[in-house]
Amino acid sequence: MLTKNQENWINHLSDDSKVRIVPFDPTSQEKFEEVKKIIQSGLGKAVEVKHRGASSLGISGQDEIDVYVPVAQKQFDSFLAPLNKLFGKAKSHYPLERARFVTFIDGKHIDVFLINKDGSDWSDSIKFEDYLRSNPEALEQYRVLKESGNGLSTREYYRKKIQFINSILAKIR
């Protein structure tokens, strides 16, 4: 089941573009470390930078690395300008909640997310990934789900992925 906001977000996704899932890239962690250095060079070494998503879990994914900069909502806007300077204008921006920047390291697509660390998007993603890390069976189910999404439309893929995430979050709650 999806929330109204999730349904609205999914409905803006393409039915024409297809998702491509590739095997885990063992160089992901070193590429993450490179991006982390870039971020901390612009925002300061004390800034928290997290490697999340499939590449951090060691499973197949969309051939990208997800990097998160979680900040308090009151700090959100003050981080936008430095990240714009480092990575160009945000590709998507939900004020005070999330902004997504794109960069590349050795040809690898990197999504850099500025995220409100006090919001449910961040806390739910932490709960979900912590659950997968401590439950190998659930991680395997997620890997299989992602791999079975190869060739699906972007909308179909994210619908299935979010439904799975919601089912895990429901178990945790």
N, C-alpha and C. Protein backbone atom coordinates (compact mmCIF):
# COMPACT_ATOMS: atom_id res chain seq x y z
N MET A 1 0.85 -1.19 0.00
CA MET A 1 0.00 0.00 0.00
C MET A 1 0.89 1.25 0.00
N LEU A 2 0.41 2.25 -0.68
CA LEU A 2 1.16 3.51 -0.78
C LEU A 2 0.40 4.64 -0.10
N THR A 3 1.16 5.59 0.42
CA THR A 3 0.53 6.78 0.97
C THR A 3 0.10 7.67 -0.20
N LYS A 4 -0.72 8.66 0.11
CA LYS A 4 -1.15 9.61 -0.93
C LYS A 4 0.06 10.33 -1.54
N ASN A 5 0.99 10.78 -0.70
CA ASN A 5 2.19 11.45 -1.21
C ASN A 5 3.03 10.53 -2.08
N GLN A 6 3.17 9.27 -1.67
CA GLN A 6 3.93 8.31 -2.48
C GLN A 6 3.24 8.09 -3.82
N GLU A 7 1.93 7.96 -3.80
CA GLU A 7 1.17 7.76 -5.04
C GLU A 7 1.34 8.96 -5.96
N ASN A 8 1.26 10.16 -5.41
CA ASN A 8 1.45 11.37 -6.22
C ASN A 8 2.85 11.41 -6.83
N TRP A 9 3.87 11.05 -6.04
CA TRP A 9 5.23 11.05 -6.56
C TRP A 9 5.39 10.00 -7.67
N ILE A 10 4.87 8.82 -7.45
CA ILE A 10 4.98 7.76 -8.46
C ILE A 10 4.27 8.16 -9.75
N ASN A 11 3.15 8.83 -9.63
CA ASN A 11 2.39 9.21 -10.83
C ASN A 11 3.11 10.23 -11.70
N HIS A 12 4.12 10.91 -11.16
CA HIS A 12 4.87 11.85 -11.99
C HIS A 12 6.00 11.14 -12.76
N LEU A 13 6.24 9.88 -12.43
CA LEU A 13 7.32 9.13 -13.08
C LEU A 13 6.89 8.63 -14.45
N SER A 14 7.86 8.31 -15.26
CA SER A 14 7.61 7.90 -16.64
C SER A 14 7.13 6.45 -16.75
N ASP A 15 6.17 6.25 -17.65
CA ASP A 15 5.77 4.90 -18.05
C ASP A 15 6.57 4.45 -19.26
N ASP A 16 7.32 5.37 -19.87
CA ASP A 16 8.07 5.07 -21.09
C ASP A 16 9.52 4.68 -20.80
N SER A 17 10.17 5.37 -19.86
CA SER A 17 11.57 5.05 -19.57
C SER A 17 11.64 3.72 -18.83
N LYS A 18 12.68 2.97 -19.12
CA LYS A 18 12.86 1.64 -18.53
C LYS A 18 14.01 1.65 -17.54
N VAL A 19 13.86 0.91 -16.48
CA VAL A 19 14.88 0.78 -15.45
C VAL A 19 15.88 -0.28 -15.88
N ARG A 20 17.15 0.01 -15.62
CA ARG A 20 18.21 -0.96 -15.91
C ARG A 20 18.90 -1.28 -14.59
N ILE A 21 18.87 -2.55 -14.23
CA ILE A 21 19.50 -3.02 -13.00
C ILE A 21 20.79 -3.75 -13.36
N VAL A 22 21.85 -3.43 -12.65
CA VAL A 22 23.16 -4.04 -12.91
C VAL A 22 23.69 -4.67 -11.62
N PRO A 23 24.63 -5.60 -11.74
CA PRO A 23 25.21 -6.21 -10.54
C PRO A 23 25.93 -5.17 -9.68
N PHE A 24 26.10 -5.50 -8.42
CA PHE A 24 26.81 -4.66 -7.46
C PHE A 24 28.20 -4.32 -8.00
N ASP A 25 28.57 -3.06 -7.84
CA ASP A 25 29.89 -2.57 -8.26
C ASP A 25 30.80 -2.53 -7.04
N PRO A 26 31.81 -3.40 -6.98
CA PRO A 26 32.68 -3.44 -5.80
C PRO A 26 33.52 -2.17 -5.60
N THR A 27 33.54 -1.26 -6.57
CA THR A 27 34.28 0.00 -6.40
C THR A 27 33.40 1.11 -5.81
N SER A 28 32.17 0.79 -5.48
CA SER A 28 31.23 1.80 -4.98
C SER A 28 31.72 2.52 -3.74
N GLN A 29 32.27 1.79 -2.80
CA GLN A 29 32.70 2.42 -1.54
C GLN A 29 33.82 3.44 -1.78
N GLU A 30 34.79 3.09 -2.63
CA GLU A 30 35.88 4.04 -2.87
C GLU A 30 35.36 5.27 -3.63
N LYS A 31 34.39 5.10 -4.51
CA LYS A 31 33.81 6.24 -5.21
C LYS A 31 32.99 7.10 -4.25
N PHE A 32 32.29 6.44 -3.33
CA PHE A 32 31.59 7.19 -2.29
C PHE A 32 32.58 8.05 -1.50
N GLU A 33 33.72 7.47 -1.13
CA GLU A 33 34.72 8.21 -0.34
C GLU A 33 35.21 9.44 -1.10
N GLU A 34 35.34 9.34 -2.42
CA GLU A 34 35.77 10.49 -3.23
C GLU A 34 34.73 11.60 -3.17
N VAL A 35 33.45 11.22 -3.32
CA VAL A 35 32.38 12.22 -3.27
C VAL A 35 32.29 12.83 -1.88
N LYS A 36 32.46 12.01 -0.86
CA LYS A 36 32.43 12.51 0.51
C LYS A 36 33.50 13.58 0.71
N LYS A 37 34.69 13.37 0.18
CA LYS A 37 35.76 14.36 0.30
C LYS A 37 35.37 15.66 -0.40
N ILE A 38 34.75 15.56 -1.56
CA ILE A 38 34.31 16.75 -2.30
C ILE A 38 33.29 17.52 -1.46
N ILE A 39 32.30 16.79 -0.92
CA ILE A 39 31.26 17.43 -0.13
C ILE A 39 31.86 18.11 1.10
N GLN A 40 32.73 17.39 1.80
CA GLN A 40 33.31 17.96 3.02
C GLN A 40 34.29 19.08 2.71
N SER A 41 34.87 19.09 1.51
CA SER A 41 35.73 20.23 1.14
C SER A 41 34.91 21.50 0.99
N GLY A 42 33.65 21.38 0.62
CA GLY A 42 32.79 22.55 0.46
C GLY A 42 31.94 22.88 1.66
N LEU A 43 31.67 21.87 2.51
CA LEU A 43 30.77 22.08 3.64
C LEU A 43 31.45 21.94 5.00
N GLY A 44 32.67 21.46 4.99
CA GLY A 44 33.39 21.26 6.25
C GLY A 44 33.47 19.78 6.62
N LYS A 45 34.57 19.43 7.25
CA LYS A 45 34.82 18.02 7.61
C LYS A 45 33.83 17.47 8.63
N ALA A 46 33.19 18.34 9.40
CA ALA A 46 32.26 17.89 10.43
C ALA A 46 30.90 17.48 9.85
N VAL A 47 30.65 17.81 8.59
CA VAL A 47 29.35 17.49 7.99
C VAL A 47 29.22 15.99 7.79
N GLU A 48 28.07 15.48 8.23
CA GLU A 48 27.79 14.05 8.08
C GLU A 48 27.48 13.74 6.61
N VAL A 49 28.11 12.70 6.09
CA VAL A 49 27.88 12.26 4.71
C VAL A 49 27.71 10.75 4.76
N LYS A 50 26.59 10.24 4.26
CA LYS A 50 26.25 8.82 4.39
C LYS A 50 26.10 8.15 3.02
N HIS A 51 26.65 6.95 2.93
CA HIS A 51 26.49 6.08 1.75
C HIS A 51 25.26 5.22 2.02
N ARG A 52 24.24 5.34 1.18
CA ARG A 52 22.98 4.62 1.38
C ARG A 52 22.61 3.89 0.09
N GLY A 53 21.50 3.19 0.10
CA GLY A 53 20.98 2.56 -1.09
C GLY A 53 21.64 1.22 -1.40
N ALA A 54 21.31 0.69 -2.58
CA ALA A 54 21.75 -0.64 -2.99
C ALA A 54 23.26 -0.81 -2.93
N SER A 55 24.00 0.18 -3.38
CA SER A 55 25.46 0.03 -3.39
C SER A 55 26.02 -0.06 -1.97
N SER A 56 25.38 0.57 -1.01
CA SER A 56 25.85 0.47 0.38
C SER A 56 25.46 -0.88 0.98
N LEU A 57 24.43 -1.50 0.42
CA LEU A 57 23.97 -2.82 0.89
C LEU A 57 24.70 -3.97 0.20
N GLY A 58 25.46 -3.64 -0.86
CA GLY A 58 26.20 -4.67 -1.58
C GLY A 58 25.34 -5.51 -2.51
N ILE A 59 24.26 -4.90 -3.05
CA ILE A 59 23.37 -5.64 -3.94
C ILE A 59 23.21 -4.91 -5.28
N SER A 60 22.61 -5.59 -6.23
CA SER A 60 22.34 -5.02 -7.55
C SER A 60 21.51 -3.76 -7.42
N GLY A 61 21.69 -2.86 -8.39
CA GLY A 61 20.94 -1.62 -8.37
C GLY A 61 20.98 -0.94 -9.72
N GLN A 62 20.65 0.33 -9.74
CA GLN A 62 20.53 1.09 -10.99
C GLN A 62 21.84 1.72 -11.45
N ASP A 63 22.95 1.13 -11.05
CA ASP A 63 24.28 1.58 -11.48
C ASP A 63 24.54 3.02 -11.04
N GLU A 64 24.20 3.29 -9.77
CA GLU A 64 24.42 4.60 -9.19
C GLU A 64 24.78 4.43 -7.72
N ILE A 65 25.30 5.49 -7.16
CA ILE A 65 25.63 5.51 -5.74
C ILE A 65 24.81 6.62 -5.11
N ASP A 66 24.11 6.29 -4.02
CA ASP A 66 23.31 7.28 -3.30
C ASP A 66 24.10 7.80 -2.11
N VAL A 67 24.28 9.11 -2.09
CA VAL A 67 25.02 9.79 -1.03
C VAL A 67 24.07 10.79 -0.38
N TYR A 68 24.03 10.75 0.94
CA TYR A 68 23.12 11.63 1.68
C TYR A 68 23.88 12.56 2.62
N VAL A 69 23.38 13.79 2.67
CA VAL A 69 23.86 14.79 3.62
C VAL A 69 22.65 15.14 4.48
N PRO A 70 22.50 14.46 5.62
CA PRO A 70 21.36 14.75 6.49
C PRO A 70 21.64 15.97 7.38
N VAL A 71 20.72 16.92 7.36
CA VAL A 71 20.87 18.14 8.16
C VAL A 71 19.53 18.47 8.82
N ALA A 72 19.60 19.23 9.90
CA ALA A 72 18.38 19.70 10.55
C ALA A 72 17.62 20.62 9.59
N GLN A 73 16.31 20.61 9.68
CA GLN A 73 15.49 21.40 8.77
C GLN A 73 15.88 22.88 8.79
N LYS A 74 16.22 23.40 9.97
CA LYS A 74 16.58 24.81 10.06
C LYS A 74 17.89 25.13 9.34
N GLN A 75 18.72 24.12 9.06
CA GLN A 75 19.98 24.31 8.34
C GLN A 75 19.85 24.03 6.83
N PHE A 76 18.73 23.48 6.44
CA PHE A 76 18.56 22.98 5.08
C PHE A 76 18.94 24.02 4.03
N ASP A 77 18.32 25.18 4.09
CA ASP A 77 18.55 26.20 3.06
C ASP A 77 20.00 26.68 3.03
N SER A 78 20.68 26.69 4.16
CA SER A 78 22.06 27.17 4.18
C SER A 78 23.02 26.19 3.50
N PHE A 79 22.59 24.96 3.27
CA PHE A 79 23.44 23.98 2.59
C PHE A 79 23.20 23.95 1.08
N LEU A 80 22.10 24.53 0.63
CA LEU A 80 21.77 24.48 -0.80
C LEU A 80 22.80 25.19 -1.67
N ALA A 81 23.15 26.41 -1.32
CA ALA A 81 24.08 27.19 -2.16
C ALA A 81 25.44 26.50 -2.29
N PRO A 82 26.04 26.03 -1.19
CA PRO A 82 27.33 25.35 -1.36
C PRO A 82 27.23 24.07 -2.21
N LEU A 83 26.13 23.34 -2.06
CA LEU A 83 25.96 22.13 -2.88
C LEU A 83 25.72 22.49 -4.34
N ASN A 84 25.00 23.59 -4.59
CA ASN A 84 24.83 24.07 -5.97
C ASN A 84 26.19 24.42 -6.57
N LYS A 85 27.05 25.02 -5.77
CA LYS A 85 28.38 25.39 -6.26
C LYS A 85 29.21 24.14 -6.58
N LEU A 86 29.08 23.11 -5.74
CA LEU A 86 29.86 21.88 -5.95
C LEU A 86 29.33 21.04 -7.11
N PHE A 87 27.99 20.95 -7.26
CA PHE A 87 27.40 19.97 -8.19
C PHE A 87 26.46 20.56 -9.23
N GLY A 88 26.30 21.88 -9.24
CA GLY A 88 25.34 22.49 -10.15
C GLY A 88 23.95 22.49 -9.53
N LYS A 89 23.03 23.11 -10.23
CA LYS A 89 21.66 23.26 -9.71
C LYS A 89 21.03 21.90 -9.41
N ALA A 90 20.29 21.83 -8.31
CA ALA A 90 19.60 20.60 -7.92
C ALA A 90 18.69 20.12 -9.04
N LYS A 91 18.68 18.82 -9.28
CA LYS A 91 17.82 18.21 -10.31
C LYS A 91 16.38 18.12 -9.82
N SER A 92 16.22 18.01 -8.52
CA SER A 92 14.89 18.08 -7.91
C SER A 92 15.05 18.74 -6.55
N HIS A 93 13.99 19.43 -6.12
CA HIS A 93 14.07 20.17 -4.86
C HIS A 93 12.69 20.24 -4.25
N TYR A 94 12.57 19.66 -3.07
CA TYR A 94 11.36 19.73 -2.27
C TYR A 94 11.74 20.57 -1.05
N PRO A 95 11.34 21.84 -1.04
CA PRO A 95 11.82 22.78 -0.02
C PRO A 95 11.76 22.24 1.40
N LEU A 96 12.87 22.42 2.10
CA LEU A 96 13.08 22.02 3.49
C LEU A 96 12.98 20.51 3.73
N GLU A 97 12.88 19.71 2.66
CA GLU A 97 12.78 18.27 2.81
C GLU A 97 13.92 17.53 2.11
N ARG A 98 14.08 17.77 0.79
CA ARG A 98 15.07 17.01 0.03
C ARG A 98 15.44 17.76 -1.24
N ALA A 99 16.73 17.70 -1.56
CA ALA A 99 17.21 18.22 -2.85
C ALA A 99 18.17 17.17 -3.40
N ARG A 100 18.10 16.92 -4.71
CA ARG A 100 18.95 15.90 -5.35
C ARG A 100 19.87 16.56 -6.36
N PHE A 101 21.15 16.27 -6.21
CA PHE A 101 22.19 16.75 -7.12
C PHE A 101 22.79 15.53 -7.81
N VAL A 102 23.35 15.73 -8.98
CA VAL A 102 23.96 14.63 -9.73
C VAL A 102 25.39 14.98 -10.07
N THR A 103 26.26 13.99 -9.89
CA THR A 103 27.65 14.13 -10.31
C THR A 103 28.12 12.77 -10.80
N PHE A 104 29.35 12.71 -11.27
CA PHE A 104 29.92 11.46 -11.77
C PHE A 104 31.35 11.32 -11.27
N ILE A 105 31.72 10.11 -10.91
CA ILE A 105 33.10 9.77 -10.55
C ILE A 105 33.49 8.59 -11.44
N ASP A 106 34.51 8.76 -12.26
CA ASP A 106 34.95 7.70 -13.18
C ASP A 106 33.78 7.12 -13.97
N GLY A 107 32.87 8.00 -14.41
CA GLY A 107 31.72 7.57 -15.20
C GLY A 107 30.56 7.02 -14.40
N LYS A 108 30.72 6.86 -13.11
CA LYS A 108 29.65 6.31 -12.24
C LYS A 108 28.71 7.43 -11.82
N HIS A 109 27.42 7.22 -12.04
CA HIS A 109 26.38 8.18 -11.65
C HIS A 109 26.30 8.22 -10.12
N ILE A 110 26.34 9.43 -9.58
CA ILE A 110 26.23 9.64 -8.13
C ILE A 110 25.08 10.61 -7.88
N ASP A 111 24.11 10.17 -7.08
CA ASP A 111 23.05 11.06 -6.62
C ASP A 111 23.44 11.55 -5.23
N VAL A 112 23.51 12.86 -5.06
CA VAL A 112 23.81 13.46 -3.77
C VAL A 112 22.52 14.11 -3.27
N PHE A 113 22.05 13.64 -2.14
CA PHE A 113 20.80 14.15 -1.57
C PHE A 113 21.09 14.98 -0.33
N LEU A 114 20.58 16.19 -0.32
CA LEU A 114 20.50 16.97 0.90
C LEU A 114 19.14 16.62 1.48
N ILE A 115 19.11 16.15 2.73
CA ILE A 115 17.84 15.68 3.28
C ILE A 115 17.63 16.19 4.71
N ASN A 116 16.39 16.47 5.01
CA ASN A 116 15.99 16.89 6.35
C ASN A 116 16.09 15.67 7.26
N LYS A 117 17.06 15.69 8.17
CA LYS A 117 17.28 14.53 9.03
C LYS A 117 16.19 14.34 10.08
N ASP A 118 15.34 15.35 10.24
CA ASP A 118 14.25 15.25 11.20
C ASP A 118 12.96 14.75 10.55
N GLY A 119 12.98 14.56 9.23
CA GLY A 119 11.79 14.15 8.50
C GLY A 119 11.64 12.63 8.44
N SER A 120 10.44 12.19 8.12
CA SER A 120 10.16 10.76 8.07
C SER A 120 10.85 10.07 6.89
N ASP A 121 11.11 10.79 5.80
CA ASP A 121 11.82 10.16 4.67
C ASP A 121 13.17 9.62 5.13
N TRP A 122 13.91 10.43 5.89
CA TRP A 122 15.22 10.02 6.38
C TRP A 122 15.10 8.94 7.44
N SER A 123 14.27 9.15 8.44
CA SER A 123 14.18 8.17 9.53
C SER A 123 13.66 6.83 9.01
N ASP A 124 12.71 6.85 8.08
CA ASP A 124 12.21 5.59 7.51
C ASP A 124 13.28 4.87 6.70
N SER A 125 14.10 5.63 5.97
CA SER A 125 15.15 4.98 5.18
C SER A 125 16.19 4.33 6.09
N ILE A 126 16.49 4.97 7.20
CA ILE A 126 17.43 4.40 8.17
C ILE A 126 16.85 3.10 8.75
N LYS A 127 15.59 3.15 9.16
CA LYS A 127 14.93 1.96 9.73
C LYS A 127 14.92 0.82 8.70
N PHE A 128 14.57 1.14 7.46
CA PHE A 128 14.49 0.12 6.42
C PHE A 128 15.85 -0.53 6.17
N GLU A 129 16.88 0.29 5.95
CA GLU A 129 18.19 -0.28 5.65
C GLU A 129 18.79 -0.99 6.86
N ASP A 130 18.57 -0.49 8.05
CA ASP A 130 19.04 -1.20 9.25
C ASP A 130 18.37 -2.57 9.35
N TYR A 131 17.08 -2.62 9.03
CA TYR A 131 16.37 -3.90 9.06
C TYR A 131 16.97 -4.87 8.05
N LEU A 132 17.23 -4.39 6.83
CA LEU A 132 17.82 -5.27 5.81
C LEU A 132 19.20 -5.76 6.24
N ARG A 133 20.00 -4.88 6.82
CA ARG A 133 21.35 -5.27 7.25
C ARG A 133 21.31 -6.35 8.34
N SER A 134 20.28 -6.34 9.16
CA SER A 134 20.20 -7.31 10.24
C SER A 134 19.31 -8.51 9.90
N ASN A 135 18.73 -8.53 8.71
CA ASN A 135 17.85 -9.63 8.29
C ASN A 135 18.23 -10.07 6.88
N PRO A 136 19.17 -11.00 6.76
CA PRO A 136 19.64 -11.43 5.45
C PRO A 136 18.54 -11.93 4.51
N GLU A 137 17.52 -12.55 5.07
CA GLU A 137 16.42 -13.04 4.23
C GLU A 137 15.68 -11.87 3.58
N ALA A 138 15.43 -10.83 4.33
CA ALA A 138 14.76 -9.64 3.78
C ALA A 138 15.66 -8.95 2.75
N LEU A 139 16.96 -8.89 3.03
CA LEU A 139 17.89 -8.29 2.06
C LEU A 139 17.87 -9.09 0.76
N GLU A 140 17.84 -10.40 0.86
CA GLU A 140 17.78 -11.24 -0.35
C GLU A 140 16.47 -10.99 -1.11
N GLN A 141 15.36 -10.86 -0.40
CA GLN A 141 14.08 -10.56 -1.05
C GLN A 141 14.15 -9.23 -1.78
N TYR A 142 14.79 -8.25 -1.16
CA TYR A 142 14.93 -6.94 -1.77
C TYR A 142 15.81 -7.01 -3.01
N ARG A 143 16.91 -7.76 -2.93
CA ARG A 143 17.79 -7.94 -4.08
C ARG A 143 17.02 -8.56 -5.24
N VAL A 144 16.27 -9.60 -4.97
CA VAL A 144 15.48 -10.28 -6.01
C VAL A 144 14.44 -9.33 -6.59
N LEU A 145 13.77 -8.57 -5.73
CA LEU A 145 12.78 -7.60 -6.21
C LEU A 145 13.43 -6.60 -7.14
N LYS A 146 14.60 -6.07 -6.74
CA LYS A 146 15.27 -5.08 -7.58
C LYS A 146 15.68 -5.70 -8.92
N GLU A 147 16.25 -6.88 -8.90
CA GLU A 147 16.69 -7.52 -10.14
C GLU A 147 15.51 -7.86 -11.04
N SER A 148 14.38 -8.22 -10.45
CA SER A 148 13.19 -8.52 -11.27
C SER A 148 12.60 -7.25 -11.87
N GLY A 149 13.04 -6.09 -11.39
CA GLY A 149 12.58 -4.82 -11.93
C GLY A 149 13.31 -4.38 -13.19
N ASN A 150 14.35 -5.11 -13.57
CA ASN A 150 15.10 -4.76 -14.78
C ASN A 150 14.16 -4.77 -15.98
N GLY A 151 14.10 -3.65 -16.69
CA GLY A 151 13.24 -3.54 -17.87
C GLY A 151 11.85 -3.00 -17.60
N LEU A 152 11.46 -2.89 -16.34
CA LEU A 152 10.16 -2.30 -16.02
C LEU A 152 10.19 -0.80 -16.29
N SER A 153 9.02 -0.21 -16.43
CA SER A 153 8.97 1.25 -16.53
C SER A 153 9.41 1.82 -15.19
N THR A 154 9.90 3.04 -15.21
CA THR A 154 10.32 3.69 -13.98
C THR A 154 9.17 3.71 -12.98
N ARG A 155 7.97 3.99 -13.46
CA ARG A 155 6.82 4.05 -12.56
C ARG A 155 6.53 2.69 -11.93
N GLU A 156 6.52 1.63 -12.75
CA GLU A 156 6.26 0.28 -12.23
C GLU A 156 7.32 -0.13 -11.20
N TYR A 157 8.57 0.13 -11.54
CA TYR A 157 9.67 -0.25 -10.67
C TYR A 157 9.55 0.41 -9.30
N TYR A 158 9.34 1.72 -9.29
CA TYR A 158 9.27 2.41 -8.01
C TYR A 158 8.01 2.04 -7.23
N ARG A 159 6.93 1.74 -7.91
CA ARG A 159 5.73 1.30 -7.21
C ARG A 159 6.03 0.01 -6.43
N LYS A 160 6.65 -0.96 -7.11
CA LYS A 160 6.97 -2.23 -6.45
C LYS A 160 7.99 -2.04 -5.32
N LYS A 161 8.98 -1.22 -5.58
CA LYS A 161 10.02 -0.98 -4.59
C LYS A 161 9.44 -0.31 -3.34
N ILE A 162 8.62 0.71 -3.52
CA ILE A 162 8.05 1.42 -2.38
C ILE A 162 7.06 0.54 -1.63
N GLN A 163 6.31 -0.28 -2.33
CA GLN A 163 5.41 -1.20 -1.65
C GLN A 163 6.20 -2.17 -0.75
N PHE A 164 7.33 -2.65 -1.25
CA PHE A 164 8.17 -3.54 -0.45
C PHE A 164 8.70 -2.80 0.77
N ILE A 165 9.22 -1.60 0.57
CA ILE A 165 9.74 -0.80 1.68
C ILE A 165 8.65 -0.58 2.72
N ASN A 166 7.45 -0.22 2.28
CA ASN A 166 6.35 0.00 3.20
C ASN A 166 6.00 -1.26 3.97
N SER A 167 6.09 -2.42 3.33
CA SER A 167 5.78 -3.68 4.03
C SER A 167 6.80 -3.95 5.14
N ILE A 168 8.06 -3.63 4.88
CA ILE A 168 9.09 -3.81 5.91
C ILE A 168 8.87 -2.80 7.04
N LEU A 169 8.60 -1.57 6.70
CA LEU A 169 8.36 -0.55 7.74
C LEU A 169 7.16 -0.92 8.60
N ALA A 170 6.13 -1.54 8.01
CA ALA A 170 4.97 -1.95 8.77
C ALA A 170 5.33 -3.04 9.79
N LYS A 171 6.27 -3.92 9.42
CA LYS A 171 6.75 -4.96 10.35
C LYS A 171 7.49 -4.34 11.52
N ILE A 172 8.24 -3.29 11.26
CA ILE A 172 9.06 -2.66 12.28
C ILE A 172 8.19 -1.90 13.29
N ARG A 173 7.17 -1.27 12.78
CA ARG A 173 6.32 -0.42 13.64
C ARG A 173 5.51 -1.24 14.55
